[in-house]
Amino acid sequence: MDESVLYRLLLARRFLDSAARHLEQTDVHGRAVAVVSAHDALDNFLGALASHLNVHIAEDLTMLRTYDRIGSGGHSLGSRTKVAQLNALRNDVKHLGLSPNPAVVRQLIAEITAFADATAKAFIGRPLSRIQFVDLIREDDVRSSMQKIRALIDSGEYRPALEQMAHVIYRVYESHLFEFTRSLMRHTSNTAPDPEAVDFPQA
């Protein structure tokens, strides 16, 4: 997967996480932020999906037109009803200052999250919720180690996770520094003059 696509997918996931957090709030502004965050998430997700599928999307296309362009490119995404509903809610919040209905927002964001997961799994191979920042790591062995650490954290095994993290930090960062230091010490020990051969001035 192209790195720019992966970055946008991660951004979409962060927006969805933000929407879910704000849904837990009972105030009007919390629901409004949830709607706008979910819209931004879907907008990023559809843009990333279009790039992944090599569907050209103009920079000024709206979210709904991006959805339609992907479909016209031969990639069926199903009904656009929920996407249009989210778009309408976002316009009400952003342009009209209307307070969204809590029950509608809660149900719609759950459906949009499920849509993003199912669509990502169908076209990318993994649900959006399973795409993680460790996927940006290019080195296969380091990425694999970090995925195992994430699994340990998710299962509550924090001590083994910290130990494995220490190994990764040493392997990726510190081992190179130690090798450089050892190399420098070998070089200086070979070129430094014998202390007994140095003539010091008389006091």
N, C-alpha and C. Protein backbone atom coordinates (compact mmCIF):
# COMPACT_ATOMS: atom_id res chain seq x y z
N MET A 1 0.84 -1.19 0.00
CA MET A 1 0.00 0.00 0.00
C MET A 1 0.88 1.25 0.00
N ASP A 2 0.52 2.22 -0.81
CA ASP A 2 1.28 3.46 -0.86
C ASP A 2 1.26 4.16 0.49
N GLU A 3 2.38 4.77 0.84
CA GLU A 3 2.51 5.39 2.16
C GLU A 3 1.53 6.54 2.35
N SER A 4 1.28 7.32 1.29
CA SER A 4 0.35 8.44 1.41
C SER A 4 -1.08 7.95 1.63
N VAL A 5 -1.42 6.81 1.03
CA VAL A 5 -2.75 6.21 1.24
C VAL A 5 -2.87 5.76 2.69
N LEU A 6 -1.84 5.09 3.18
CA LEU A 6 -1.85 4.61 4.56
C LEU A 6 -1.96 5.78 5.54
N TYR A 7 -1.25 6.86 5.26
CA TYR A 7 -1.31 8.03 6.15
C TYR A 7 -2.73 8.57 6.22
N ARG A 8 -3.41 8.66 5.07
CA ARG A 8 -4.77 9.19 5.06
C ARG A 8 -5.76 8.24 5.73
N LEU A 9 -5.52 6.96 5.60
CA LEU A 9 -6.37 5.98 6.29
C LEU A 9 -6.23 6.13 7.80
N LEU A 10 -5.00 6.34 8.25
CA LEU A 10 -4.77 6.54 9.69
C LEU A 10 -5.43 7.83 10.16
N LEU A 11 -5.38 8.86 9.32
CA LEU A 11 -6.03 10.12 9.67
C LEU A 11 -7.54 9.92 9.77
N ALA A 12 -8.10 9.16 8.84
CA ALA A 12 -9.53 8.86 8.88
C ALA A 12 -9.88 8.13 10.16
N ARG A 13 -9.05 7.19 10.54
CA ARG A 13 -9.32 6.45 11.78
C ARG A 13 -9.26 7.38 12.99
N ARG A 14 -8.31 8.30 13.02
CA ARG A 14 -8.22 9.24 14.14
C ARG A 14 -9.48 10.09 14.23
N PHE A 15 -9.99 10.53 13.09
CA PHE A 15 -11.22 11.32 13.09
C PHE A 15 -12.40 10.50 13.60
N LEU A 16 -12.47 9.23 13.21
CA LEU A 16 -13.55 8.37 13.70
C LEU A 16 -13.43 8.15 15.20
N ASP A 17 -12.20 7.98 15.69
CA ASP A 17 -11.98 7.85 17.13
C ASP A 17 -12.43 9.11 17.86
N SER A 18 -12.15 10.27 17.25
CA SER A 18 -12.57 11.54 17.84
C SER A 18 -14.10 11.62 17.88
N ALA A 19 -14.74 11.18 16.81
CA ALA A 19 -16.21 11.19 16.77
C ALA A 19 -16.78 10.32 17.89
N ALA A 20 -16.20 9.14 18.07
CA ALA A 20 -16.69 8.22 19.11
C ALA A 20 -16.51 8.83 20.50
N ARG A 21 -15.38 9.48 20.74
CA ARG A 21 -15.13 10.11 22.05
C ARG A 21 -16.14 11.23 22.32
N HIS A 22 -16.40 12.03 21.31
CA HIS A 22 -17.32 13.15 21.51
C HIS A 22 -18.77 12.69 21.62
N LEU A 23 -19.08 11.51 21.13
CA LEU A 23 -20.42 10.98 21.29
C LEU A 23 -20.73 10.68 22.75
N GLU A 24 -19.69 10.44 23.54
CA GLU A 24 -19.89 10.14 24.96
C GLU A 24 -20.30 11.38 25.74
N GLN A 25 -20.09 12.55 25.16
CA GLN A 25 -20.48 13.78 25.83
C GLN A 25 -21.98 14.03 25.60
N THR A 26 -22.59 14.66 26.55
CA THR A 26 -24.04 14.88 26.48
C THR A 26 -24.40 16.27 25.98
N ASP A 27 -23.41 17.13 25.82
CA ASP A 27 -23.73 18.50 25.41
C ASP A 27 -23.88 18.62 23.90
N VAL A 28 -24.47 19.71 23.47
CA VAL A 28 -24.74 19.95 22.05
C VAL A 28 -23.46 20.04 21.25
N HIS A 29 -22.45 20.71 21.79
CA HIS A 29 -21.20 20.89 21.05
C HIS A 29 -20.48 19.56 20.85
N GLY A 30 -20.57 18.67 21.84
CA GLY A 30 -19.96 17.35 21.70
C GLY A 30 -20.53 16.60 20.52
N ARG A 31 -21.85 16.64 20.37
CA ARG A 31 -22.50 15.96 19.23
C ARG A 31 -22.12 16.62 17.92
N ALA A 32 -22.02 17.94 17.94
CA ALA A 32 -21.65 18.66 16.72
C ALA A 32 -20.24 18.28 16.27
N VAL A 33 -19.31 18.23 17.23
CA VAL A 33 -17.93 17.83 16.90
C VAL A 33 -17.91 16.40 16.39
N ALA A 34 -18.73 15.53 16.96
CA ALA A 34 -18.79 14.13 16.51
C ALA A 34 -19.23 14.07 15.05
N VAL A 35 -20.21 14.86 14.68
CA VAL A 35 -20.70 14.86 13.29
C VAL A 35 -19.62 15.35 12.33
N VAL A 36 -18.99 16.48 12.68
CA VAL A 36 -17.96 17.04 11.80
C VAL A 36 -16.76 16.10 11.70
N SER A 37 -16.37 15.48 12.81
CA SER A 37 -15.24 14.54 12.81
C SER A 37 -15.55 13.32 11.95
N ALA A 38 -16.78 12.80 12.06
CA ALA A 38 -17.16 11.64 11.25
C ALA A 38 -17.16 11.99 9.77
N HIS A 39 -17.59 13.19 9.45
CA HIS A 39 -17.58 13.64 8.05
C HIS A 39 -16.15 13.74 7.53
N ASP A 40 -15.27 14.35 8.33
CA ASP A 40 -13.86 14.45 7.93
C ASP A 40 -13.23 13.07 7.77
N ALA A 41 -13.62 12.15 8.66
CA ALA A 41 -13.10 10.77 8.58
C ALA A 41 -13.50 10.13 7.26
N LEU A 42 -14.77 10.23 6.91
CA LEU A 42 -15.25 9.59 5.68
C LEU A 42 -14.68 10.26 4.45
N ASP A 43 -14.51 11.57 4.51
CA ASP A 43 -13.92 12.31 3.40
C ASP A 43 -12.49 11.83 3.14
N ASN A 44 -11.70 11.71 4.22
CA ASN A 44 -10.32 11.21 4.09
C ASN A 44 -10.30 9.76 3.63
N PHE A 45 -11.20 8.96 4.19
CA PHE A 45 -11.24 7.55 3.84
C PHE A 45 -11.54 7.35 2.36
N LEU A 46 -12.53 8.05 1.85
CA LEU A 46 -12.90 7.90 0.43
C LEU A 46 -11.80 8.40 -0.49
N GLY A 47 -11.13 9.48 -0.09
CA GLY A 47 -10.01 9.97 -0.89
C GLY A 47 -8.87 8.96 -0.94
N ALA A 48 -8.56 8.37 0.21
CA ALA A 48 -7.50 7.35 0.27
C ALA A 48 -7.89 6.13 -0.55
N LEU A 49 -9.16 5.74 -0.45
CA LEU A 49 -9.63 4.57 -1.20
C LEU A 49 -9.55 4.81 -2.70
N ALA A 50 -9.92 6.02 -3.13
CA ALA A 50 -9.84 6.36 -4.56
C ALA A 50 -8.40 6.26 -5.05
N SER A 51 -7.46 6.78 -4.28
CA SER A 51 -6.04 6.69 -4.67
C SER A 51 -5.59 5.24 -4.73
N HIS A 52 -5.99 4.45 -3.75
CA HIS A 52 -5.61 3.04 -3.71
C HIS A 52 -6.15 2.28 -4.92
N LEU A 53 -7.34 2.67 -5.38
CA LEU A 53 -7.98 2.00 -6.52
C LEU A 53 -7.63 2.66 -7.86
N ASN A 54 -6.74 3.65 -7.81
CA ASN A 54 -6.33 4.38 -9.02
C ASN A 54 -7.50 5.06 -9.72
N VAL A 55 -8.41 5.60 -8.92
CA VAL A 55 -9.52 6.38 -9.45
C VAL A 55 -9.17 7.85 -9.28
N HIS A 56 -9.08 8.58 -10.41
CA HIS A 56 -8.67 9.99 -10.33
C HIS A 56 -9.78 10.83 -9.71
N ILE A 57 -9.40 11.61 -8.70
CA ILE A 57 -10.33 12.49 -8.01
C ILE A 57 -9.77 13.90 -8.07
N ALA A 58 -10.54 14.83 -8.60
CA ALA A 58 -10.12 16.23 -8.62
C ALA A 58 -10.09 16.78 -7.20
N GLU A 59 -9.23 17.76 -6.99
CA GLU A 59 -9.05 18.30 -5.64
C GLU A 59 -10.30 18.97 -5.10
N ASP A 60 -11.14 19.48 -5.99
CA ASP A 60 -12.31 20.23 -5.52
C ASP A 60 -13.58 19.39 -5.42
N LEU A 61 -13.45 18.06 -5.56
CA LEU A 61 -14.64 17.22 -5.47
C LEU A 61 -15.14 17.12 -4.03
N THR A 62 -16.45 17.13 -3.89
CA THR A 62 -17.05 16.95 -2.57
C THR A 62 -17.00 15.47 -2.19
N MET A 63 -17.34 15.18 -0.94
CA MET A 63 -17.33 13.80 -0.46
C MET A 63 -18.32 12.94 -1.26
N LEU A 64 -19.50 13.46 -1.51
CA LEU A 64 -20.50 12.68 -2.24
C LEU A 64 -20.06 12.42 -3.68
N ARG A 65 -19.46 13.40 -4.31
CA ARG A 65 -18.99 13.21 -5.69
C ARG A 65 -17.81 12.24 -5.73
N THR A 66 -16.99 12.27 -4.70
CA THR A 66 -15.90 11.28 -4.62
C THR A 66 -16.49 9.87 -4.51
N TYR A 67 -17.50 9.72 -3.68
CA TYR A 67 -18.18 8.43 -3.53
C TYR A 67 -18.72 7.96 -4.88
N ASP A 68 -19.36 8.87 -5.61
CA ASP A 68 -19.93 8.51 -6.92
C ASP A 68 -18.84 8.19 -7.93
N ARG A 69 -17.74 8.93 -7.88
CA ARG A 69 -16.64 8.71 -8.84
C ARG A 69 -16.02 7.32 -8.64
N ILE A 70 -15.88 6.91 -7.40
CA ILE A 70 -15.35 5.57 -7.12
C ILE A 70 -16.29 4.51 -7.70
N GLY A 71 -17.60 4.72 -7.52
CA GLY A 71 -18.57 3.79 -8.06
C GLY A 71 -18.56 3.74 -9.57
N SER A 72 -18.44 4.91 -10.20
CA SER A 72 -18.41 4.94 -11.67
C SER A 72 -17.11 4.37 -12.22
N GLY A 73 -16.10 4.24 -11.36
CA GLY A 73 -14.85 3.62 -11.78
C GLY A 73 -14.90 2.11 -11.73
N GLY A 74 -16.06 1.56 -11.43
CA GLY A 74 -16.23 0.11 -11.43
C GLY A 74 -16.09 -0.54 -10.07
N HIS A 75 -16.11 0.25 -9.01
CA HIS A 75 -15.95 -0.28 -7.66
C HIS A 75 -17.21 0.03 -6.85
N SER A 76 -18.07 -0.94 -6.73
CA SER A 76 -19.36 -0.72 -6.07
C SER A 76 -19.18 -0.56 -4.56
N LEU A 77 -19.70 0.54 -4.03
CA LEU A 77 -19.65 0.81 -2.60
C LEU A 77 -21.01 0.66 -1.95
N GLY A 78 -22.01 0.28 -2.72
CA GLY A 78 -23.35 0.12 -2.17
C GLY A 78 -24.11 1.44 -2.14
N SER A 79 -25.17 1.46 -1.35
CA SER A 79 -26.03 2.63 -1.26
C SER A 79 -25.31 3.81 -0.63
N ARG A 80 -25.58 5.00 -1.15
CA ARG A 80 -24.95 6.21 -0.62
C ARG A 80 -25.86 6.94 0.37
N THR A 81 -26.95 6.30 0.79
CA THR A 81 -27.94 6.95 1.65
C THR A 81 -27.33 7.47 2.94
N LYS A 82 -26.56 6.62 3.63
CA LYS A 82 -25.97 7.02 4.92
C LYS A 82 -24.92 8.10 4.72
N VAL A 83 -24.19 8.02 3.62
CA VAL A 83 -23.18 9.04 3.34
C VAL A 83 -23.86 10.39 3.11
N ALA A 84 -24.95 10.38 2.35
CA ALA A 84 -25.69 11.61 2.10
C ALA A 84 -26.30 12.16 3.39
N GLN A 85 -26.76 11.26 4.25
CA GLN A 85 -27.34 11.70 5.51
C GLN A 85 -26.29 12.37 6.39
N LEU A 86 -25.09 11.77 6.45
CA LEU A 86 -24.00 12.36 7.23
C LEU A 86 -23.63 13.73 6.65
N ASN A 87 -23.60 13.83 5.35
CA ASN A 87 -23.26 15.09 4.69
C ASN A 87 -24.29 16.17 5.03
N ALA A 88 -25.56 15.79 5.02
CA ALA A 88 -26.62 16.75 5.36
C ALA A 88 -26.53 17.20 6.81
N LEU A 89 -26.24 16.26 7.72
CA LEU A 89 -26.08 16.61 9.13
C LEU A 89 -24.91 17.57 9.33
N ARG A 90 -23.82 17.29 8.65
CA ARG A 90 -22.64 18.15 8.77
C ARG A 90 -22.95 19.56 8.25
N ASN A 91 -23.68 19.66 7.14
CA ASN A 91 -24.05 20.97 6.61
C ASN A 91 -24.96 21.73 7.57
N ASP A 92 -25.88 21.01 8.22
CA ASP A 92 -26.76 21.64 9.21
C ASP A 92 -25.96 22.21 10.37
N VAL A 93 -24.97 21.43 10.82
CA VAL A 93 -24.14 21.87 11.95
C VAL A 93 -23.23 23.01 11.54
N LYS A 94 -22.53 22.84 10.42
CA LYS A 94 -21.49 23.79 10.05
C LYS A 94 -22.03 25.09 9.45
N HIS A 95 -23.05 24.97 8.62
CA HIS A 95 -23.52 26.16 7.91
C HIS A 95 -24.78 26.79 8.51
N LEU A 96 -25.57 26.00 9.24
CA LEU A 96 -26.81 26.53 9.79
C LEU A 96 -26.80 26.61 11.32
N GLY A 97 -25.80 25.97 11.95
CA GLY A 97 -25.72 26.01 13.40
C GLY A 97 -26.81 25.23 14.10
N LEU A 98 -27.34 24.20 13.43
CA LEU A 98 -28.42 23.41 14.01
C LEU A 98 -27.85 22.31 14.91
N SER A 99 -28.57 22.01 15.96
CA SER A 99 -28.15 20.96 16.88
C SER A 99 -28.62 19.60 16.37
N PRO A 100 -27.71 18.64 16.19
CA PRO A 100 -28.11 17.33 15.68
C PRO A 100 -28.83 16.49 16.72
N ASN A 101 -29.74 15.67 16.26
CA ASN A 101 -30.49 14.77 17.14
C ASN A 101 -29.54 13.71 17.70
N PRO A 102 -29.47 13.55 19.03
CA PRO A 102 -28.50 12.62 19.63
C PRO A 102 -28.67 11.18 19.15
N ALA A 103 -29.92 10.70 19.07
CA ALA A 103 -30.16 9.31 18.66
C ALA A 103 -29.74 9.09 17.22
N VAL A 104 -30.03 10.06 16.35
CA VAL A 104 -29.66 9.96 14.94
C VAL A 104 -28.14 9.94 14.79
N VAL A 105 -27.47 10.84 15.51
CA VAL A 105 -26.01 10.93 15.41
C VAL A 105 -25.35 9.63 15.89
N ARG A 106 -25.83 9.11 17.01
CA ARG A 106 -25.24 7.90 17.58
C ARG A 106 -25.38 6.71 16.61
N GLN A 107 -26.55 6.56 16.05
CA GLN A 107 -26.78 5.44 15.13
C GLN A 107 -26.03 5.63 13.82
N LEU A 108 -26.04 6.86 13.30
CA LEU A 108 -25.40 7.11 12.01
C LEU A 108 -23.90 6.92 12.07
N ILE A 109 -23.26 7.41 13.13
CA ILE A 109 -21.81 7.26 13.23
C ILE A 109 -21.42 5.79 13.38
N ALA A 110 -22.23 5.02 14.10
CA ALA A 110 -21.97 3.58 14.19
C ALA A 110 -22.06 2.93 12.80
N GLU A 111 -23.03 3.35 12.02
CA GLU A 111 -23.19 2.79 10.67
C GLU A 111 -22.07 3.22 9.73
N ILE A 112 -21.64 4.47 9.86
CA ILE A 112 -20.52 4.96 9.03
C ILE A 112 -19.23 4.23 9.40
N THR A 113 -19.02 4.00 10.69
CA THR A 113 -17.83 3.25 11.13
C THR A 113 -17.85 1.83 10.59
N ALA A 114 -19.01 1.19 10.63
CA ALA A 114 -19.14 -0.17 10.09
C ALA A 114 -18.93 -0.17 8.59
N PHE A 115 -19.43 0.85 7.90
CA PHE A 115 -19.23 0.96 6.45
C PHE A 115 -17.75 1.09 6.11
N ALA A 116 -17.04 1.96 6.84
CA ALA A 116 -15.61 2.15 6.59
C ALA A 116 -14.83 0.87 6.83
N ASP A 117 -15.17 0.15 7.90
CA ASP A 117 -14.49 -1.12 8.20
C ASP A 117 -14.73 -2.15 7.09
N ALA A 118 -15.99 -2.30 6.71
CA ALA A 118 -16.33 -3.30 5.69
C ALA A 118 -15.72 -2.95 4.34
N THR A 119 -15.75 -1.68 3.98
CA THR A 119 -15.22 -1.25 2.68
C THR A 119 -13.71 -1.40 2.64
N ALA A 120 -13.03 -1.01 3.73
CA ALA A 120 -11.58 -1.17 3.79
C ALA A 120 -11.20 -2.65 3.70
N LYS A 121 -11.94 -3.51 4.38
CA LYS A 121 -11.64 -4.94 4.32
C LYS A 121 -11.83 -5.49 2.92
N ALA A 122 -12.86 -5.01 2.22
CA ALA A 122 -13.15 -5.51 0.88
C ALA A 122 -12.10 -5.07 -0.14
N PHE A 123 -11.63 -3.83 -0.04
CA PHE A 123 -10.75 -3.29 -1.08
C PHE A 123 -9.28 -3.20 -0.66
N ILE A 124 -9.01 -3.19 0.63
CA ILE A 124 -7.63 -3.03 1.11
C ILE A 124 -7.13 -4.29 1.80
N GLY A 125 -8.08 -5.10 2.32
CA GLY A 125 -7.69 -6.35 2.95
C GLY A 125 -7.78 -6.35 4.45
N ARG A 126 -8.04 -5.18 5.05
CA ARG A 126 -8.16 -5.07 6.51
C ARG A 126 -9.20 -4.03 6.85
N PRO A 127 -9.95 -4.22 7.93
CA PRO A 127 -10.87 -3.16 8.37
C PRO A 127 -10.10 -1.90 8.74
N LEU A 128 -10.72 -0.77 8.61
CA LEU A 128 -10.07 0.49 8.95
C LEU A 128 -9.62 0.49 10.42
N SER A 129 -10.42 -0.11 11.28
CA SER A 129 -10.09 -0.14 12.72
C SER A 129 -8.86 -0.98 13.02
N ARG A 130 -8.42 -1.82 12.08
CA ARG A 130 -7.23 -2.66 12.29
C ARG A 130 -5.97 -2.05 11.68
N ILE A 131 -6.11 -0.91 11.04
CA ILE A 131 -4.94 -0.23 10.47
C ILE A 131 -4.32 0.63 11.56
N GLN A 132 -3.01 0.46 11.80
CA GLN A 132 -2.34 1.09 12.93
C GLN A 132 -1.14 1.90 12.48
N PHE A 133 -0.66 2.76 13.38
CA PHE A 133 0.51 3.59 13.06
C PHE A 133 1.75 2.74 12.82
N VAL A 134 1.81 1.57 13.43
CA VAL A 134 2.99 0.72 13.21
C VAL A 134 3.09 0.26 11.76
N ASP A 135 1.98 0.33 11.03
CA ASP A 135 2.00 -0.05 9.62
C ASP A 135 2.85 0.90 8.79
N LEU A 136 3.14 2.08 9.33
CA LEU A 136 3.99 3.04 8.62
C LEU A 136 5.47 2.67 8.69
N ILE A 137 5.83 1.76 9.60
CA ILE A 137 7.24 1.35 9.74
C ILE A 137 7.65 0.54 8.53
N ARG A 138 8.72 0.92 7.89
CA ARG A 138 9.12 0.28 6.64
C ARG A 138 9.86 -1.04 6.86
N GLU A 139 10.68 -1.11 7.92
CA GLU A 139 11.45 -2.33 8.16
C GLU A 139 10.52 -3.44 8.64
N ASP A 140 10.54 -4.56 7.93
CA ASP A 140 9.61 -5.66 8.23
C ASP A 140 9.77 -6.19 9.64
N ASP A 141 11.03 -6.40 10.08
CA ASP A 141 11.24 -6.99 11.40
C ASP A 141 10.83 -6.04 12.52
N VAL A 142 11.11 -4.75 12.34
CA VAL A 142 10.72 -3.78 13.36
C VAL A 142 9.19 -3.65 13.40
N ARG A 143 8.58 -3.62 12.23
CA ARG A 143 7.11 -3.52 12.19
C ARG A 143 6.47 -4.73 12.84
N SER A 144 7.01 -5.91 12.58
CA SER A 144 6.49 -7.13 13.18
C SER A 144 6.64 -7.10 14.70
N SER A 145 7.78 -6.62 15.17
CA SER A 145 8.01 -6.53 16.62
C SER A 145 7.02 -5.57 17.27
N MET A 146 6.78 -4.43 16.62
CA MET A 146 5.86 -3.45 17.18
C MET A 146 4.41 -3.95 17.17
N GLN A 147 4.06 -4.74 16.18
CA GLN A 147 2.72 -5.33 16.15
C GLN A 147 2.53 -6.32 17.30
N LYS A 148 3.60 -7.07 17.61
CA LYS A 148 3.53 -8.00 18.75
C LYS A 148 3.43 -7.24 20.07
N ILE A 149 4.14 -6.12 20.15
CA ILE A 149 4.06 -5.29 21.35
C ILE A 149 2.65 -4.75 21.52
N ARG A 150 2.04 -4.31 20.42
CA ARG A 150 0.67 -3.80 20.49
C ARG A 150 -0.29 -4.89 20.98
N ALA A 151 -0.07 -6.12 20.51
CA ALA A 151 -0.92 -7.23 20.94
C ALA A 151 -0.76 -7.49 22.44
N LEU A 152 0.48 -7.38 22.94
CA LEU A 152 0.73 -7.55 24.37
C LEU A 152 0.01 -6.46 25.18
N ILE A 153 0.08 -5.22 24.70
CA ILE A 153 -0.59 -4.13 25.39
C ILE A 153 -2.10 -4.34 25.41
N ASP A 154 -2.65 -4.75 24.25
CA ASP A 154 -4.09 -4.97 24.16
C ASP A 154 -4.56 -6.07 25.11
N SER A 155 -3.67 -7.04 25.37
CA SER A 155 -4.05 -8.14 26.26
C SER A 155 -3.69 -7.85 27.72
N GLY A 156 -3.16 -6.65 27.98
CA GLY A 156 -2.86 -6.25 29.36
C GLY A 156 -1.54 -6.75 29.88
N GLU A 157 -0.67 -7.27 29.02
CA GLU A 157 0.65 -7.77 29.45
C GLU A 157 1.66 -6.65 29.29
N TYR A 158 1.64 -5.72 30.24
CA TYR A 158 2.42 -4.50 30.09
C TYR A 158 3.92 -4.70 30.33
N ARG A 159 4.28 -5.54 31.28
CA ARG A 159 5.71 -5.74 31.55
C ARG A 159 6.43 -6.36 30.35
N PRO A 160 5.92 -7.48 29.78
CA PRO A 160 6.57 -8.01 28.57
C PRO A 160 6.58 -7.00 27.42
N ALA A 161 5.53 -6.18 27.33
CA ALA A 161 5.47 -5.17 26.27
C ALA A 161 6.60 -4.15 26.44
N LEU A 162 6.82 -3.71 27.69
CA LEU A 162 7.89 -2.75 27.95
C LEU A 162 9.26 -3.36 27.67
N GLU A 163 9.43 -4.62 28.02
CA GLU A 163 10.71 -5.29 27.76
C GLU A 163 10.98 -5.40 26.27
N GLN A 164 9.94 -5.75 25.52
CA GLN A 164 10.10 -5.86 24.07
C GLN A 164 10.36 -4.49 23.45
N MET A 165 9.71 -3.46 24.01
CA MET A 165 9.94 -2.10 23.52
C MET A 165 11.39 -1.69 23.72
N ALA A 166 11.95 -2.06 24.87
CA ALA A 166 13.35 -1.73 25.15
C ALA A 166 14.27 -2.39 24.13
N HIS A 167 13.96 -3.63 23.77
CA HIS A 167 14.78 -4.34 22.76
C HIS A 167 14.69 -3.63 21.41
N VAL A 168 13.48 -3.20 21.03
CA VAL A 168 13.31 -2.53 19.74
C VAL A 168 14.06 -1.20 19.73
N ILE A 169 13.93 -0.43 20.82
CA ILE A 169 14.62 0.86 20.90
C ILE A 169 16.13 0.66 20.79
N TYR A 170 16.64 -0.36 21.48
CA TYR A 170 18.08 -0.62 21.40
C TYR A 170 18.48 -1.00 19.97
N ARG A 171 17.69 -1.90 19.36
CA ARG A 171 18.04 -2.40 18.02
C ARG A 171 17.97 -1.29 16.97
N VAL A 172 16.96 -0.44 17.08
CA VAL A 172 16.75 0.57 16.04
C VAL A 172 17.63 1.79 16.24
N TYR A 173 17.80 2.22 17.50
CA TYR A 173 18.50 3.47 17.75
C TYR A 173 19.87 3.30 18.40
N GLU A 174 19.91 2.62 19.53
CA GLU A 174 21.11 2.65 20.35
C GLU A 174 22.21 1.74 19.84
N SER A 175 21.88 0.61 19.24
CA SER A 175 22.93 -0.31 18.80
C SER A 175 23.85 0.35 17.77
N HIS A 176 23.27 1.21 16.90
CA HIS A 176 24.09 1.91 15.91
C HIS A 176 25.02 2.91 16.59
N LEU A 177 24.51 3.56 17.63
CA LEU A 177 25.34 4.52 18.36
C LEU A 177 26.49 3.81 19.06
N PHE A 178 26.21 2.65 19.68
CA PHE A 178 27.27 1.91 20.34
C PHE A 178 28.30 1.41 19.34
N GLU A 179 27.85 0.97 18.18
CA GLU A 179 28.79 0.49 17.16
C GLU A 179 29.68 1.64 16.69
N PHE A 180 29.09 2.82 16.53
CA PHE A 180 29.87 3.99 16.12
C PHE A 180 30.90 4.33 17.19
N THR A 181 30.48 4.27 18.46
CA THR A 181 31.40 4.58 19.56
C THR A 181 32.55 3.58 19.61
N ARG A 182 32.20 2.29 19.45
CA ARG A 182 33.26 1.28 19.46
C ARG A 182 34.23 1.48 18.30
N SER A 183 33.68 1.82 17.14
CA SER A 183 34.53 2.06 15.98
C SER A 183 35.44 3.26 16.20
N LEU A 184 34.88 4.30 16.80
CA LEU A 184 35.68 5.50 17.08
C LEU A 184 36.78 5.20 18.08
N MET A 185 36.47 4.40 19.09
CA MET A 185 37.47 4.06 20.10
C MET A 185 38.60 3.23 19.48
N ARG A 186 38.22 2.30 18.59
CA ARG A 186 39.27 1.51 17.93
C ARG A 186 40.17 2.39 17.09
N HIS A 187 39.57 3.35 16.39
CA HIS A 187 40.33 4.24 15.53
C HIS A 187 41.27 5.12 16.35
N THR A 188 40.76 5.69 17.42
CA THR A 188 41.59 6.59 18.22
C THR A 188 42.67 5.83 18.97
N SER A 189 42.39 4.59 19.34
CA SER A 189 43.42 3.82 20.06
C SER A 189 44.55 3.44 19.12
N ASN A 190 44.25 3.33 17.82
CA ASN A 190 45.30 2.98 16.85
C ASN A 190 46.13 4.18 16.46
N THR A 191 45.55 5.36 16.54
CA THR A 191 46.27 6.56 16.06
C THR A 191 46.84 7.41 17.18
N ALA A 192 46.40 7.20 18.41
CA ALA A 192 46.90 8.02 19.52
C ALA A 192 48.35 7.66 19.82
N PRO A 193 49.21 8.65 20.11
CA PRO A 193 50.62 8.35 20.42
C PRO A 193 50.77 7.66 21.76
N ASP A 194 51.84 6.92 21.88
CA ASP A 194 52.15 6.26 23.14
C ASP A 194 52.42 7.34 24.20
N PRO A 195 51.73 7.30 25.33
CA PRO A 195 51.94 8.36 26.35
C PRO A 195 53.39 8.48 26.77
N GLU A 196 54.15 7.37 26.79
CA GLU A 196 55.54 7.43 27.24
C GLU A 196 56.43 8.09 26.21
N ALA A 197 55.95 8.15 24.95
CA ALA A 197 56.78 8.75 23.91
C ALA A 197 56.56 10.26 23.80
N VAL A 198 55.66 10.79 24.57
CA VAL A 198 55.35 12.22 24.49
C VAL A 198 56.29 12.98 25.44
N ASP A 199 56.97 13.98 24.89
CA ASP A 199 57.84 14.84 25.71
C ASP A 199 57.04 15.99 26.27
N PHE A 200 56.91 16.01 27.59
CA PHE A 200 56.18 17.11 28.22
C PHE A 200 57.19 18.17 28.63
N PRO A 201 56.80 19.43 28.52
CA PRO A 201 57.72 20.51 28.94
C PRO A 201 57.97 20.46 30.44
N GLN A 202 59.18 20.89 30.81
CA GLN A 202 59.54 20.92 32.22
C GLN A 202 58.77 22.01 32.95
N ALA A 203 58.37 21.74 34.14
CA ALA A 203 57.62 22.73 34.91
C ALA A 203 58.54 23.85 35.33
